[in-house]
PDB file of N, CA and C in Angstrom:
ATOM      1  N   MET A   1      15.333 250.640 145.836  1.00  0.00           N
ATOM      2  CA  MET A   1      16.408 249.199 145.871  1.00  0.00           C
ATOM      3  C   MET A   1      16.594 249.426 147.187  1.00  0.00           C
ATOM      4  N   ARG A   2      16.053 248.533 148.149  1.00  0.00           N
ATOM      5  CA  ARG A   2      16.860 247.985 149.448  1.00  0.00           C
ATOM      6  C   ARG A   2      17.662 247.217 149.549  1.00  0.00           C
ATOM      7  N   THR A   3      18.414 246.629 150.420  1.00  0.00           N
ATOM      8  CA  THR A   3      19.337 245.336 150.244  1.00  0.00           C
ATOM      9  C   THR A   3      19.453 245.083 151.702  1.00  0.00           C
ATOM     10  N   VAL A   4      19.427 243.548 152.331  1.00  0.00           N
ATOM     11  CA  VAL A   4      20.042 243.619 153.350  1.00  0.00           C
ATOM     12  C   VAL A   4      20.501 242.208 152.890  1.00  0.00           C
ATOM     13  N   ASP A   5      22.139 242.227 154.239  1.00  0.00           N
ATOM     14  CA  ASP A   5      22.908 240.891 153.713  1.00  0.00           C
ATOM     15  C   ASP A   5      22.025 240.178 155.134  1.00  0.00           C
ATOM     16  N   VAL A   6      21.997 238.189 154.610  1.00  0.00           N
ATOM     17  CA  VAL A   6      22.029 237.512 155.426  1.00  0.00           C
ATOM     18  C   VAL A   6      22.989 236.677 155.763  1.00  0.00           C
ATOM     19  N   TYR A   7      23.314 236.184 157.442  1.00  0.00           N
ATOM     20  CA  TYR A   7      24.106 235.294 157.679  1.00  0.00           C
ATOM     21  C   TYR A   7      23.667 234.888 158.244  1.00  0.00           C
ATOM     22  N   LEU A   8      24.293 233.055 157.878  1.00  0.00           N
ATOM     23  CA  LEU A   8      23.551 231.680 159.184  1.00  0.00           C
ATOM     24  C   LEU A   8      24.862 231.574 159.652  1.00  0.00           C
ATOM     25  N   ASP A   9      24.827 231.155 160.742  1.00  0.00           N
ATOM     26  CA  ASP A   9      25.864 231.151 161.902  1.00  0.00           C
ATOM     27  C   ASP A   9      27.764 232.144 161.232  1.00  0.00           C
ATOM     28  N   ASN A  10      27.027 233.128 161.266  1.00  0.00           N
ATOM     29  CA  ASN A  10      28.256 234.388 160.716  1.00  0.00           C
ATOM     30  C   ASN A  10      29.111 233.871 159.114  1.00  0.00           C
ATOM     31  N   LYS A  11      28.079 232.781 158.449  1.00  0.00           N
ATOM     32  CA  LYS A  11      28.628 232.840 157.377  1.00  0.00           C
ATOM     33  C   LYS A  11      27.188 233.595 156.463  1.00  0.00           C
ATOM     34  N   PHE A  12      27.803 234.770 155.318  1.00  0.00           N
ATOM     35  CA  PHE A  12      27.576 235.231 154.498  1.00  0.00           C
ATOM     36  C   PHE A  12      26.476 234.615 153.252  1.00  0.00           C
ATOM     37  N   ALA A  13      25.224 234.339 153.618  1.00  0.00           N
ATOM     38  CA  ALA A  13      24.151 233.344 152.974  1.00  0.00           C
ATOM     39  C   ALA A  13      23.741 233.646 151.784  1.00  0.00           C
ATOM     40  N   GLY A  14      23.170 235.181 151.964  1.00  0.00           N
ATOM     41  CA  GLY A  14      22.482 235.896 150.435  1.00  0.00           C
ATOM     42  C   GLY A  14      22.464 236.808 150.860  1.00  0.00           C
ATOM     43  N   GLN A  15      21.247 237.179 149.866  1.00  0.00           N
ATOM     44  CA  GLN A  15      20.450 238.890 149.845  1.00  0.00           C
ATOM     45  C   GLN A  15      19.598 238.470 149.469  1.00  0.00           C
ATOM     46  N   LEU A  16      18.540 239.287 150.710  1.00  0.00           N
ATOM     47  CA  LEU A  16      17.069 240.262 150.551  1.00  0.00           C
ATOM     48  C   LEU A  16      17.638 241.736 149.972  1.00  0.00           C
ATOM     49  N   THR A  17      16.078 241.296 148.842  1.00  0.00           N
ATOM     50  CA  THR A  17      16.616 242.779 147.753  1.00  0.00           C
ATOM     51  C   THR A  17      14.412 242.757 148.453  1.00  0.00           C
ATOM     52  N   GLU A  18      14.309 243.992 148.767  1.00  0.00           N
ATOM     53  CA  GLU A  18      13.651 245.217 147.988  1.00  0.00           C
ATOM     54  C   GLU A  18      14.030 245.631 146.817  1.00  0.00           C
ATOM     55  N   ARG A  19      12.826 245.161 145.654  1.00  0.00           N
ATOM     56  CA  ARG A  19      13.210 246.287 144.543  1.00  0.00           C
ATOM     57  C   ARG A  19      12.156 247.093 144.428  1.00  0.00           C
ATOM     58  N   ASP A  20      11.178 247.155 144.568  1.00  0.00           N
ATOM     59  CA  ASP A  20       9.791 247.590 145.054  1.00  0.00           C
ATOM     60  C   ASP A  20       8.951 247.996 146.236  1.00  0.00           C
ATOM     61  N   ARG A  21       7.474 247.958 146.160  1.00  0.00           N
ATOM     62  CA  ARG A  21       6.935 248.057 147.247  1.00  0.00           C
ATOM     63  C   ARG A  21       6.443 246.488 147.149  1.00  0.00           C
ATOM     64  N   ASP A  22       6.209 245.865 146.191  1.00  0.00           N
ATOM     65  CA  ASP A  22       5.040 244.385 145.965  1.00  0.00           C
ATOM     66  C   ASP A  22       5.940 243.447 145.204  1.00  0.00           C
ATOM     67  N   GLU A  23       7.446 243.770 145.250  1.00  0.00           N
ATOM     68  CA  GLU A  23       8.391 242.844 144.565  1.00  0.00           C
ATOM     69  C   GLU A  23       9.595 242.894 145.157  1.00  0.00           C
ATOM     70  N   TYR A  24       9.938 241.687 145.878  1.00  0.00           N
ATOM     71  CA  TYR A  24      11.056 240.720 147.079  1.00  0.00           C
ATOM     72  C   TYR A  24      11.529 240.104 145.746  1.00  0.00           C
ATOM     73  N   GLU A  25      13.007 240.107 146.269  1.00  0.00           N
ATOM     74  CA  GLU A  25      14.005 238.578 146.620  1.00  0.00           C
ATOM     75  C   GLU A  25      14.707 238.306 147.171  1.00  0.00           C
ATOM     76  N   PHE A  26      14.829 236.904 147.370  1.00  0.00           N
ATOM     77  CA  PHE A  26      16.102 236.419 148.448  1.00  0.00           C
ATOM     78  C   PHE A  26      17.279 235.510 147.472  1.00  0.00           C
ATOM     79  N   ALA A  27      18.221 235.778 147.180  1.00  0.00           N
ATOM     80  CA  ALA A  27      18.888 235.147 146.387  1.00  0.00           C
ATOM     81  C   ALA A  27      20.453 234.841 147.252  1.00  0.00           C
ATOM     82  N   TYR A  28      20.455 232.932 147.075  1.00  0.00           N
ATOM     83  CA  TYR A  28      21.852 232.680 148.242  1.00  0.00           C
ATOM     84  C   TYR A  28      23.324 233.082 147.638  1.00  0.00           C
ATOM     85  N   ASN A  29      23.780 233.728 148.252  1.00  0.00           N
ATOM     86  CA  ASN A  29      25.789 233.488 147.702  1.00  0.00           C
ATOM     87  C   ASN A  29      25.661 232.574 147.164  1.00  0.00           C
ATOM     88  N   ALA A  30      26.606 232.757 145.581  1.00  0.00           N
ATOM     89  CA  ALA A  30      27.047 231.339 144.870  1.00  0.00           C
ATOM     90  C   ALA A  30      27.945 230.904 145.700  1.00  0.00           C
ATOM     91  N   GLN A  31      29.111 230.986 146.379  1.00  0.00           N
ATOM     92  CA  GLN A  31      29.787 230.542 147.418  1.00  0.00           C
ATOM     93  C   GLN A  31      29.167 229.474 148.492  1.00  0.00           C
ATOM     94  N   TYR A  32      28.546 230.368 149.402  1.00  0.00           N
ATOM     95  CA  TYR A  32      27.202 229.412 150.502  1.00  0.00           C
ATOM     96  C   TYR A  32      26.485 228.266 149.642  1.00  0.00           C
ATOM     97  N   LEU A  33      25.718 228.327 148.718  1.00  0.00           N
ATOM     98  CA  LEU A  33      25.258 227.223 147.983  1.00  0.00           C
ATOM     99  C   LEU A  33      25.981 225.778 147.324  1.00  0.00           C
ATOM    100  N   VAL A  34      27.357 226.291 147.005  1.00  0.00           N
ATOM    101  CA  VAL A  34      28.186 224.783 146.446  1.00  0.00           C
ATOM    102  C   VAL A  34      28.669 224.332 147.797  1.00  0.00           C
ATOM    103  N   ASP A  35      28.692 224.652 148.940  1.00  0.00           N
ATOM    104  CA  ASP A  35      29.454 224.184 150.537  1.00  0.00           C
ATOM    105  C   ASP A  35      28.423 223.586 150.767  1.00  0.00           C
ATOM    106  N   PRO A  36      28.852 222.143 150.962  1.00  0.00           N
ATOM    107  CA  PRO A  36      27.512 221.278 150.683  1.00  0.00           C
ATOM    108  C   PRO A  36      27.699 220.883 152.506  1.00  0.00           C
ATOM    109  N   GLU A  37      28.308 221.723 153.304  1.00  0.00           N
ATOM    110  CA  GLU A  37      28.507 221.866 154.541  1.00  0.00           C
ATOM    111  C   GLU A  37      26.938 222.949 155.257  1.00  0.00           C
ATOM    112  N   THR A  38      26.723 223.808 154.561  1.00  0.00           N
ATOM    113  CA  THR A  38      26.251 225.074 154.867  1.00  0.00           C
ATOM    114  C   THR A  38      24.132 224.284 154.487  1.00  0.00           C
ATOM    115  N   PRO A  39      23.933 224.634 155.570  1.00  0.00           N
ATOM    116  CA  PRO A  39      22.070 224.474 155.211  1.00  0.00           C
ATOM    117  C   PRO A  39      21.157 225.753 154.646  1.00  0.00           C
ATOM    118  N   ALA A  40      20.268 225.337 154.729  1.00  0.00           N
ATOM    119  CA  ALA A  40      18.996 226.507 153.888  1.00  0.00           C
ATOM    120  C   ALA A  40      19.236 227.320 155.053  1.00  0.00           C
ATOM    121  N   ILE A  41      19.137 228.352 154.717  1.00  0.00           N
ATOM    122  CA  ILE A  41      18.656 229.387 156.295  1.00  0.00           C
ATOM    123  C   ILE A  41      16.955 229.127 156.863  1.00  0.00           C
ATOM    124  N   ALA A  42      16.214 228.327 155.884  1.00  0.00           N
ATOM    125  CA  ALA A  42      14.599 227.540 156.430  1.00  0.00           C
ATOM    126  C   ALA A  42      14.573 227.144 155.614  1.00  0.00           C
ATOM    127  N   LEU A  43      13.525 226.328 156.572  1.00  0.00           N
ATOM    128  CA  LEU A  43      12.842 225.159 155.480  1.00  0.00           C
ATOM    129  C   LEU A  43      11.924 225.659 154.370  1.00  0.00           C
ATOM    130  N   SER A  44      11.394 226.729 154.147  1.00  0.00           N
ATOM    131  CA  SER A  44      10.575 227.603 153.238  1.00  0.00           C
ATOM    132  C   SER A  44      11.717 228.304 152.295  1.00  0.00           C
ATOM    133  N   LEU A  45      13.103 227.970 152.155  1.00  0.00           N
ATOM    134  CA  LEU A  45      13.979 228.502 151.333  1.00  0.00           C
ATOM    135  C   LEU A  45      15.047 227.441 150.789  1.00  0.00           C
ATOM    136  N   PRO A  46      14.556 226.240 150.492  1.00  0.00           N
ATOM    137  CA  PRO A  46      15.505 225.446 150.251  1.00  0.00           C
ATOM    138  C   PRO A  46      16.863 226.164 149.678  1.00  0.00           C
ATOM    139  N   LYS A  47      17.826 225.374 149.697  1.00  0.00           N
ATOM    140  CA  LYS A  47      19.352 225.945 148.800  1.00  0.00           C
ATOM    141  C   LYS A  47      18.703 225.639 146.741  1.00  0.00           C
ATOM    142  N   ARG A  48      18.929 226.933 146.182  1.00  0.00           N
ATOM    143  CA  ARG A  48      19.099 226.816 145.048  1.00  0.00           C
ATOM    144  C   ARG A  48      19.559 227.719 144.311  1.00  0.00           C
ATOM    145  N   GLU A  49      19.723 227.603 143.403  1.00  0.00           N
ATOM    146  CA  GLU A  49      20.584 228.888 142.662  1.00  0.00           C
ATOM    147  C   GLU A  49      19.523 229.676 141.604  1.00  0.00           C
ATOM    148  N   GLU A  50      18.710 229.786 141.602  1.00  0.00           N
ATOM    149  CA  GLU A  50      17.391 230.629 141.162  1.00  0.00           C
ATOM    150  C   GLU A  50      16.869 231.887 142.629  1.00  0.00           C
ATOM    151  N   PRO A  51      17.141 232.707 141.999  1.00  0.00           N
ATOM    152  CA  PRO A  51      16.495 233.763 143.290  1.00  0.00           C
ATOM    153  C   PRO A  51      15.085 233.039 143.412  1.00  0.00           C
ATOM    154  N   TYR A  52      14.923 233.430 144.720  1.00  0.00           N
ATOM    155  CA  TYR A  52      13.269 233.495 144.846  1.00  0.00           C
ATOM    156  C   TYR A  52      12.535 234.429 145.414  1.00  0.00           C
ATOM    157  N   ARG A  53      11.064 234.812 144.484  1.00  0.00           N
ATOM    158  CA  ARG A  53      11.050 236.152 144.300  1.00  0.00           C
ATOM    159  C   ARG A  53       9.793 235.957 144.895  1.00  0.00           C
ATOM    160  N   SER A  54       8.562 237.154 145.208  1.00  0.00           N
ATOM    161  CA  SER A  54       7.272 237.026 145.423  1.00  0.00           C
ATOM    162  C   SER A  54       7.354 238.878 145.723  1.00  0.00           C
ATOM    163  N   ASN A  55       5.905 238.977 145.377  1.00  0.00           N
ATOM    164  CA  ASN A  55       5.472 240.033 145.943  1.00  0.00           C
ATOM    165  C   ASN A  55       4.758 240.629 147.525  1.00  0.00           C
ATOM    166  N   ARG A  56       5.156 239.845 148.045  1.00  0.00           N
ATOM    167  CA  ARG A  56       5.459 239.626 149.519  1.00  0.00           C
ATOM    168  C   ARG A  56       6.448 239.664 150.497  1.00  0.00           C
ATOM    169  N   ILE A  57       7.262 240.146 151.280  1.00  0.00           N
ATOM    170  CA  ILE A  57       8.187 240.587 151.428  1.00  0.00           C
ATOM    171  C   ILE A  57       7.794 238.368 152.553  1.00  0.00           C
ATOM    172  N   PHE A  58       8.937 237.882 152.896  1.00  0.00           N
ATOM    173  CA  PHE A  58       8.674 236.683 152.972  1.00  0.00           C
ATOM    174  C   PHE A  58       8.837 236.425 154.014  1.00  0.00           C
ATOM    175  N   PRO A  59       7.419 235.562 154.115  1.00  0.00           N
ATOM    176  CA  PRO A  59       7.901 235.230 155.659  1.00  0.00           C
ATOM    177  C   PRO A  59       8.694 234.984 157.292  1.00  0.00           C
ATOM    178  N   PHE A  60       9.659 234.505 156.465  1.00  0.00           N
ATOM    179  CA  PHE A  60      10.516 234.214 157.596  1.00  0.00           C
ATOM    180  C   PHE A  60      11.079 235.181 158.327  1.00  0.00           C
ATOM    181  N   PHE A  61      11.519 236.119 157.360  1.00  0.00           N
ATOM    182  CA  PHE A  61      12.309 237.584 157.058  1.00  0.00           C
ATOM    183  C   PHE A  61      11.075 238.499 158.377  1.00  0.00           C
ATOM    184  N   THR A  62       9.942 238.441 157.841  1.00  0.00           N
ATOM    185  CA  THR A  62       9.399 238.894 158.729  1.00  0.00           C
ATOM    186  C   THR A  62       9.120 238.322 160.523  1.00  0.00           C
ATOM    187  N   ASN A  63       9.577 237.277 160.379  1.00  0.00           N
ATOM    188  CA  ASN A  63       9.350 236.499 161.788  1.00  0.00           C
ATOM    189  C   ASN A  63      10.378 236.608 162.578  1.00  0.00           C
ATOM    190  N   LEU A  64      11.441 237.426 161.879  1.00  0.00           N
ATOM    191  CA  LEU A  64      12.416 237.862 162.849  1.00  0.00           C
ATOM    192  C   LEU A  64      12.185 239.614 163.516  1.00  0.00           C
ATOM    193  N   LEU A  65      11.222 240.093 163.066  1.00  0.00           N
ATOM    194  CA  LEU A  65      11.098 241.050 163.923  1.00  0.00           C
ATOM    195  C   LEU A  65      10.171 241.062 165.252  1.00  0.00           C
ATOM    196  N   PRO A  66      10.711 241.854 165.639  1.00  0.00           N
ATOM    197  CA  PRO A  66       9.482 242.323 167.296  1.00  0.00           C
ATOM    198  C   PRO A  66       8.775 242.272 167.316  1.00  0.00           C
ATOM    199  N   GLU A  67       7.839 242.216 168.234  1.00  0.00           N
ATOM    200  CA  GLU A  67       6.893 242.693 168.553  1.00  0.00           C
ATOM    201  C   GLU A  67       6.012 243.160 169.374  1.00  0.00           C
ATOM    202  N   GLY A  68       4.522 243.572 169.047  1.00  0.00           N
ATOM    203  CA  GLY A  68       3.971 244.160 170.265  1.00  0.00           C
ATOM    204  C   GLY A  68       4.906 245.843 170.453  1.00  0.00           C
ATOM    205  N   SER A  69       4.441 245.637 171.826  1.00  0.00           N
ATOM    206  CA  SER A  69       5.274 247.246 172.044  1.00  0.00           C
ATOM    207  C   SER A  69       7.020 247.275 172.340  1.00  0.00           C
ATOM    208  N   ASN A  70       7.413 245.508 172.012  1.00  0.00           N
ATOM    209  CA  ASN A  70       8.931 246.283 171.258  1.00  0.00           C
ATOM    210  C   ASN A  70       8.869 246.582 170.101  1.00  0.00           C
ATOM    211  N   ARG A  71       8.252 246.009 168.995  1.00  0.00           N
ATOM    212  CA  ARG A  71       8.043 246.775 168.156  1.00  0.00           C
ATOM    213  C   ARG A  71       8.069 248.598 167.999  1.00  0.00           C
ATOM    214  N   LYS A  72       7.118 249.067 168.409  1.00  0.00           N
ATOM    215  CA  LYS A  72       6.401 249.821 168.443  1.00  0.00           C
ATOM    216  C   LYS A  72       7.436 250.921 169.116  1.00  0.00           C
ATOM    217  N   ALA A  73       8.134 250.772 169.823  1.00  0.00           N
ATOM    218  CA  ALA A  73       8.756 250.858 170.586  1.00  0.00           C
ATOM    219  C   ALA A  73      10.484 251.510 169.642  1.00  0.00           C
ATOM    220  N   MET A  74      10.983 250.171 169.270  1.00  0.00           N
ATOM    221  CA  MET A  74      12.158 250.419 168.105  1.00  0.00           C
ATOM    222  C   MET A  74      11.776 251.054 167.265  1.00  0.00           C
ATOM    223  N   CYS A  75      10.985 251.195 166.730  1.00  0.00           N
ATOM    224  CA  CYS A  75       9.823 251.994 165.875  1.00  0.00           C
ATOM    225  C   CYS A  75      10.015 253.268 166.130  1.00  0.00           C
ATOM    226  N   THR A  76       9.297 253.432 167.175  1.00  0.00           N
ATOM    227  CA  THR A  76       9.531 255.421 167.211  1.00  0.00           C
ATOM    228  C   THR A  76      10.857 255.664 167.796  1.00  0.00           C
ATOM    229  N   ALA A  77      11.857 255.002 168.282  1.00  0.00           N
ATOM    230  CA  ALA A  77      13.061 255.560 168.407  1.00  0.00           C
ATOM    231  C   ALA A  77      14.126 255.219 167.088  1.00  0.00           C
ATOM    232  N   PHE A  78      14.002 254.674 166.113  1.00  0.00           N
ATOM    233  CA  PHE A  78      14.697 254.437 164.958  1.00  0.00           C
ATOM    234  C   PHE A  78      13.969 255.610 163.561  1.00  0.00           C
ATOM    235  N   LYS A  79      12.489 255.847 164.146  1.00  0.00           N
ATOM    236  CA  LYS A  79      11.243 256.736 162.991  1.00  0.00           C
ATOM    237  C   LYS A  79      11.552 256.255 161.737  1.00  0.00           C
ATOM    238  N   VAL A  80      10.674 253.991 162.118  1.00  0.00           N
ATOM    239  CA  VAL A  80      10.821 253.391 160.845  1.00  0.00           C
ATOM    240  C   VAL A  80       9.345 253.227 161.201  1.00  0.00           C
ATOM    241  N   ASP A  81       8.470 253.334 160.203  1.00  0.00           N
ATOM    242  CA  ASP A  81       6.950 253.177 159.989  1.00  0.00           C
ATOM    243  C   ASP A  81       6.691 251.608 159.896  1.00  0.00           C
ATOM    244  N   GLU A  82       6.075 251.678 161.246  1.00  0.00           N
ATOM    245  CA  GLU A  82       5.489 250.191 161.404  1.00  0.00           C
ATOM    246  C   GLU A  82       5.093 249.133 160.808  1.00  0.00           C
ATOM    247  N   HIS A  83       4.833 249.591 159.244  1.00  0.00           N
ATOM    248  CA  HIS A  83       4.323 249.009 158.217  1.00  0.00           C
ATOM    249  C   HIS A  83       4.807 248.768 157.074  1.00  0.00           C
ATOM    250  N   ASP A  84       6.681 249.082 157.234  1.00  0.00           N
ATOM    251  CA  ASP A  84       7.519 249.130 156.708  1.00  0.00           C
ATOM    252  C   ASP A  84       8.151 247.798 157.314  1.00  0.00           C
ATOM    253  N   PHE A  85       7.719 246.673 156.401  1.00  0.00           N
ATOM    254  CA  PHE A  85       8.360 245.502 157.360  1.00  0.00           C
ATOM    255  C   PHE A  85       9.966 245.372 156.875  1.00  0.00           C
ATOM    256  N   PHE A  86       9.852 246.035 155.298  1.00  0.00           N
ATOM    257  CA  PHE A  86      11.763 246.255 154.809  1.00  0.00           C
ATOM    258  C   PHE A  86      12.470 247.317 155.571  1.00  0.00           C
ATOM    259  N   GLY A  87      11.778 248.252 155.518  1.00  0.00           N
ATOM    260  CA  GLY A  87      12.343 249.294 156.584  1.00  0.00           C
ATOM    261  C   GLY A  87      12.502 248.645 157.982  1.00  0.00           C
ATOM    262  N   MET A  88      11.982 247.805 158.492  1.00  0.00           N
ATOM    263  CA  MET A  88      12.205 247.757 160.188  1.00  0.00           C
ATOM    264  C   MET A  88      13.310 246.150 160.133  1.00  0.00           C
ATOM    265  N   LEU A  89      12.878 245.517 159.173  1.00  0.00           N
ATOM    266  CA  LEU A  89      14.494 244.702 159.130  1.00  0.00           C
ATOM    267  C   LEU A  89      16.005 245.141 158.706  1.00  0.00           C
ATOM    268  N   GLU A  90      16.083 246.327 158.286  1.00  0.00           N
ATOM    269  CA  GLU A  90      16.708 247.653 158.223  1.00  0.00           C
ATOM    270  C   GLU A  90      17.433 247.907 159.166  1.00  0.00           C
ATOM    271  N   MET A  91      16.491 247.831 160.220  1.00  0.00           N
ATOM    272  CA  MET A  91      16.425 248.867 161.869  1.00  0.00           C
ATOM    273  C   MET A  91      17.049 247.633 162.603  1.00  0.00           C
ATOM    274  N   ILE A  92      16.142 246.089 161.969  1.00  0.00           N
ATOM    275  CA  ILE A  92      17.718 245.306 163.315  1.00  0.00           C
ATOM    276  C   ILE A  92      18.719 244.861 162.795  1.00  0.00           C
ATOM    277  N   CYS A  93      19.328 245.226 161.635  1.00  0.00           N
ATOM    278  CA  CYS A  93      20.668 244.794 161.303  1.00  0.00           C
ATOM    279  C   CYS A  93      21.591 245.199 162.521  1.00  0.00           C
ATOM    280  N   GLY A  94      22.310 244.324 162.376  1.00  0.00           N
ATOM    281  CA  GLY A  94      23.463 244.289 163.586  1.00  0.00           C
ATOM    282  C   GLY A  94      23.602 244.137 164.652  1.00  0.00           C
ATOM    283  N   LYS A  95      21.998 244.047 164.697  1.00  0.00           N
ATOM    284  CA  LYS A  95      21.417 243.494 166.382  1.00  0.00           C
ATOM    285  C   LYS A  95      20.863 242.277 166.471  1.00  0.00           C
ATOM    286  N   ASP A  96      20.835 241.657 167.854  1.00  0.00           N
ATOM    287  CA  ASP A  96      20.440 240.105 167.899  1.00  0.00           C
ATOM    288  C   ASP A  96      19.364 239.764 167.070  1.00  0.00           C
ATOM    289  N   CYS A  97      19.084 238.595 166.755  1.00  0.00           N
ATOM    290  CA  CYS A  97      17.837 238.098 165.648  1.00  0.00           C
ATOM    291  C   CYS A  97      17.665 236.805 166.214  1.00  0.00           C
ATOM    292  N   ILE A  98      16.375 236.675 165.626  1.00  0.00           N
ATOM    293  CA  ILE A  98      16.612 234.824 166.907  1.00  0.00           C
ATOM    294  C   ILE A  98      17.243 234.178 166.448  1.00  0.00           C
ATOM    295  N   GLY A  99      18.138 232.867 167.026  1.00  0.00           N
ATOM    296  CA  GLY A  99      18.310 231.828 166.205  1.00  0.00           C
ATOM    297  C   GLY A  99      19.478 232.072 165.630  1.00  0.00           C
ATOM    298  N   ASN A 100      20.087 231.318 164.906  1.00  0.00           N
ATOM    299  CA  ASN A 100      22.000 231.613 164.411  1.00  0.00           C
ATOM    300  C   ASN A 100      21.375 232.871 162.999  1.00  0.00           C
ATOM    301  N   VAL A 101      20.628 233.860 162.826  1.00  0.00           N
ATOM    302  CA  VAL A 101      20.405 233.964 161.494  1.00  0.00           C
ATOM    303  C   VAL A 101      20.653 235.653 161.743  1.00  0.00           C
ATOM    304  N   SER A 102      21.392 236.111 161.175  1.00  0.00           N
ATOM    305  CA  SER A 102      21.478 237.797 161.345  1.00  0.00           C
ATOM    306  C   SER A 102      21.169 238.745 159.968  1.00  0.00           C
ATOM    307  N   LEU A 103      21.321 239.705 160.565  1.00  0.00           N
ATOM    308  CA  LEU A 103      21.436 240.483 159.497  1.00  0.00           C
ATOM    309  C   LEU A 103      22.383 241.780 159.206  1.00  0.00           C
ATOM    310  N   ARG A 104      23.462 242.213 158.135  1.00  0.00           N
ATOM    311  CA  ARG A 104      23.536 243.712 158.445  1.00  0.00           C
ATOM    312  C   ARG A 104      23.785 243.892 156.739  1.00  0.00           C
ATOM    313  N   LYS A 105      24.106 245.514 157.034  1.00  0.00           N
ATOM    314  CA  LYS A 105      23.332 245.728 155.809  1.00  0.00           C
ATOM    315  C   LYS A 105      25.073 246.895 155.408  1.00  0.00           C
ATOM    316  N   GLU A 106      25.579 246.526 154.181  1.00  0.00           N
ATOM    317  CA  GLU A 106      26.645 247.394 154.192  1.00  0.00           C
ATOM    318  C   GLU A 106      26.441 248.743 154.294  1.00  0.00           C
ATOM    319  N   GLU A 107      27.608 250.054 154.992  1.00  0.00           N
ATOM    320  CA  GLU A 107      26.918 251.079 154.891  1.00  0.00           C
ATOM    321  C   GLU A 107      27.657 251.679 153.732  1.00  0.00           C
ATOM    322  N   LYS A 108      26.973 252.483 153.004  1.00  0.00           N
ATOM    323  CA  LYS A 108      27.361 253.279 151.783  1.00  0.00           C
ATOM    324  C   LYS A 108      27.916 255.021 152.219  1.00  0.00           C
TER     325      LYS A 108
END
């Protein structure tokens, strides 16, 4: 199981989890959910208590990934398989993402 923390405007919004290669979950943080000032991280993932589950990684998150030669170069540099989307999300943790969304990974 792998996880990344999702932040919106530097506020902890929730956690994306890969339970298995075909089982993904995004769950909003309880404090983020109850704050009326915080928006959903995406139109496709409105705020709700129940976690979102899918057999594919959510398109919102794969759209954060670099494309083309940038993707290839980063995957080579970080030794990540170009077909391992969750691995690539982990790769960009702590780095610039598109817009006001950022991903972070707690080091263990």
